């Protein structure tokens, strides 16, 4: 089973979800621990659609990816593609955008601009921290189903 966590740019929510899935981040993590994640706020718009392998959980690949505004289209596309191509590919597509809040949204937007990257990163991490329990619940649901 391949786990795909996805969000808008793949830089915040899905990256954190993958880290929680792999136990690289605990659900009680603080803002500094979120900011210290290897891929936190790294991916940019040109990286959208390219999955990043975060690691393996019990031999299963755990990835995160930015899908832009296609968060509803991505799973349908993958389902259709695997069925039409008759590829026996088992995966779980997890939409992390349901866990976004205003602080993460604003921080993610601001972090794309050179002079404000640090401010944006911090705002996004604070927003993630406020919703870490929701993200963790999403990960637990994905792992259990």
Protein backbone atom coordinates (compact mmCIF):
# COMPACT_ATOMS: atom_id res chain seq x y z
CA UNK A 1 0.00 0.00 0.00
CA UNK A 2 1.30 3.43 -0.96
CA UNK A 3 0.14 6.33 1.20
CA UNK A 4 -0.21 9.69 -0.58
CA UNK A 5 -0.84 12.68 1.64
CA UNK A 6 -1.71 15.70 -0.44
CA UNK A 7 -2.48 19.37 0.03
CA UNK A 8 -2.24 22.51 -2.08
CA UNK A 9 1.53 22.94 -2.44
CA UNK A 10 2.83 19.92 -0.52
CA UNK A 11 4.85 22.22 1.70
CA UNK A 12 2.97 22.16 4.99
CA UNK A 13 -0.04 19.95 5.78
CA UNK A 14 0.86 16.87 3.75
CA UNK A 15 4.52 17.08 4.77
CA UNK A 16 3.49 17.11 8.44
CA UNK A 17 0.97 14.30 7.92
CA UNK A 18 3.67 12.11 6.35
CA UNK A 19 6.02 12.89 9.26
CA UNK A 20 3.30 11.93 11.75
CA UNK A 21 2.63 8.72 9.81
CA UNK A 22 6.33 7.81 10.02
CA UNK A 23 6.59 8.79 13.71
CA UNK A 24 9.16 11.45 12.83
CA UNK A 25 6.87 13.94 14.48
CA UNK A 26 4.77 13.29 17.55
CA UNK A 27 1.20 14.58 17.90
CA UNK A 28 2.43 16.62 20.87
CA UNK A 29 5.14 18.38 18.82
CA UNK A 30 5.79 22.06 19.32
CA UNK A 31 6.23 24.75 16.66
CA UNK A 32 10.02 24.39 16.63
CA UNK A 33 9.77 20.65 15.94
CA UNK A 34 7.40 21.32 13.06
CA UNK A 35 9.77 23.93 11.63
CA UNK A 36 12.69 21.47 11.88
CA UNK A 37 11.10 18.92 9.54
CA UNK A 38 13.29 18.35 6.49
CA UNK A 39 10.63 19.21 3.93
CA UNK A 40 8.58 21.78 5.83
CA UNK A 41 7.98 24.79 3.56
CA UNK A 42 10.46 23.52 0.96
CA UNK A 43 8.25 22.58 -1.99
CA UNK A 44 7.17 25.35 -4.33
CA UNK A 45 4.56 25.67 -7.09
CA UNK A 46 6.80 24.05 -9.75
CA UNK A 47 7.00 20.95 -7.51
CA UNK A 48 3.24 20.38 -7.64
CA UNK A 49 2.26 16.95 -8.87
CA UNK A 50 5.63 15.38 -8.06
CA UNK A 51 5.36 13.00 -5.08
CA UNK A 52 8.09 13.11 -2.45
CA UNK A 53 8.94 9.81 -0.79
CA UNK A 54 9.07 10.62 2.91
CA UNK A 55 9.94 7.09 4.00
CA UNK A 56 8.52 3.64 4.65
CA UNK A 57 6.12 2.38 7.28
CA UNK A 58 6.06 -1.42 7.61
CA UNK A 59 7.44 -1.64 4.06
CA UNK A 60 4.80 0.70 2.65
CA UNK A 61 5.92 3.92 0.92
CA UNK A 62 4.65 7.13 2.51
CA UNK A 63 4.63 10.12 0.18
CA UNK A 64 3.38 13.67 0.13
CA UNK A 65 2.51 15.78 -2.87
CA UNK A 66 1.10 19.17 -3.78
CA UNK A 67 -1.84 18.97 -6.16
CA UNK A 68 -2.86 22.60 -6.40
CA UNK A 69 -6.60 23.04 -6.63
CA UNK A 70 -6.95 19.42 -7.80
CA UNK A 71 -7.40 17.86 -4.37
CA UNK A 72 -10.73 16.36 -5.43
CA UNK A 73 -9.52 15.46 -8.93
CA UNK A 74 -6.28 13.70 -7.92
CA UNK A 75 -7.85 10.62 -6.29
CA UNK A 76 -10.40 10.25 -9.08
CA UNK A 77 -7.63 10.49 -11.68
CA UNK A 78 -5.49 7.89 -9.88
CA UNK A 79 -8.45 5.52 -9.50
CA UNK A 80 -9.40 5.87 -13.14
CA UNK A 81 -5.82 5.48 -14.35
CA UNK A 82 -5.14 2.31 -12.37
CA UNK A 83 -8.42 0.73 -13.46
CA UNK A 84 -8.06 1.62 -17.15
CA UNK A 85 -4.41 0.57 -17.21
CA UNK A 86 -5.30 -2.51 -15.15
CA UNK A 87 -2.39 -1.81 -12.82
CA UNK A 88 -2.63 -3.66 -9.53
CA UNK A 89 -1.57 -0.67 -7.45
CA UNK A 90 -2.83 -0.35 -3.90
CA UNK A 91 -2.74 3.16 -2.53
CA UNK A 92 -4.45 5.46 -0.08
CA UNK A 93 -4.93 9.06 -1.15
CA UNK A 94 -5.41 11.38 1.85
CA UNK A 95 -6.60 14.96 1.35
CA UNK A 96 -5.01 17.06 4.09
CA UNK A 97 -6.70 20.31 3.04
CA UNK A 98 -9.57 19.52 5.37
CA UNK A 99 -7.14 20.38 8.20
CA UNK A 100 -6.14 23.82 6.92
CA UNK A 101 -6.84 26.94 8.94
CA UNK A 102 -6.48 30.63 8.19
CA UNK A 103 -3.06 30.93 9.86
CA UNK A 104 -1.59 28.10 7.78
CA UNK A 105 -3.15 29.48 4.61
CA UNK A 106 -1.77 32.99 5.22
CA UNK A 107 1.64 31.63 6.28
CA UNK A 108 1.88 29.43 3.20
CA UNK A 109 1.05 32.36 0.95
CA UNK A 110 3.52 34.73 2.62
CA UNK A 111 6.36 32.18 2.69
CA UNK A 112 6.54 32.22 -1.11
CA UNK A 113 7.85 35.78 -1.13
CA UNK A 114 11.60 36.24 -0.61
CA UNK A 115 11.62 38.93 2.04
CA UNK A 116 8.87 37.29 4.08
CA UNK A 117 9.83 33.61 3.95
CA UNK A 118 10.71 33.32 7.65
CA UNK A 119 7.53 35.08 8.76
CA UNK A 120 5.42 32.87 6.50
CA UNK A 121 7.12 29.69 7.71
CA UNK A 122 6.46 30.62 11.33
CA UNK A 123 2.82 31.50 10.72
CA UNK A 124 2.26 28.26 8.79
CA UNK A 125 3.93 26.22 11.55
CA UNK A 126 1.78 27.91 14.20
CA UNK A 127 -1.33 27.14 12.19
CA UNK A 128 -0.23 23.51 11.81
CA UNK A 129 0.45 23.33 15.54
CA UNK A 130 -3.09 24.51 16.31
CA UNK A 131 -4.51 21.74 14.11
CA UNK A 132 -1.98 19.01 14.83
CA UNK A 133 -4.60 16.89 16.57
CA UNK A 134 -6.84 17.01 13.47
CA UNK A 135 -3.93 16.10 11.20
CA UNK A 136 -2.98 13.24 13.50
CA UNK A 137 -6.58 11.95 13.51
CA UNK A 138 -6.49 12.01 9.70
CA UNK A 139 -3.27 9.97 9.72
CA UNK A 140 -4.68 7.46 12.20
CA UNK A 141 -7.76 7.06 10.01
CA UNK A 142 -5.60 6.51 6.91
CA UNK A 143 -3.42 3.95 8.67
CA UNK A 144 -6.44 2.10 10.04
CA UNK A 145 -8.47 1.82 6.86
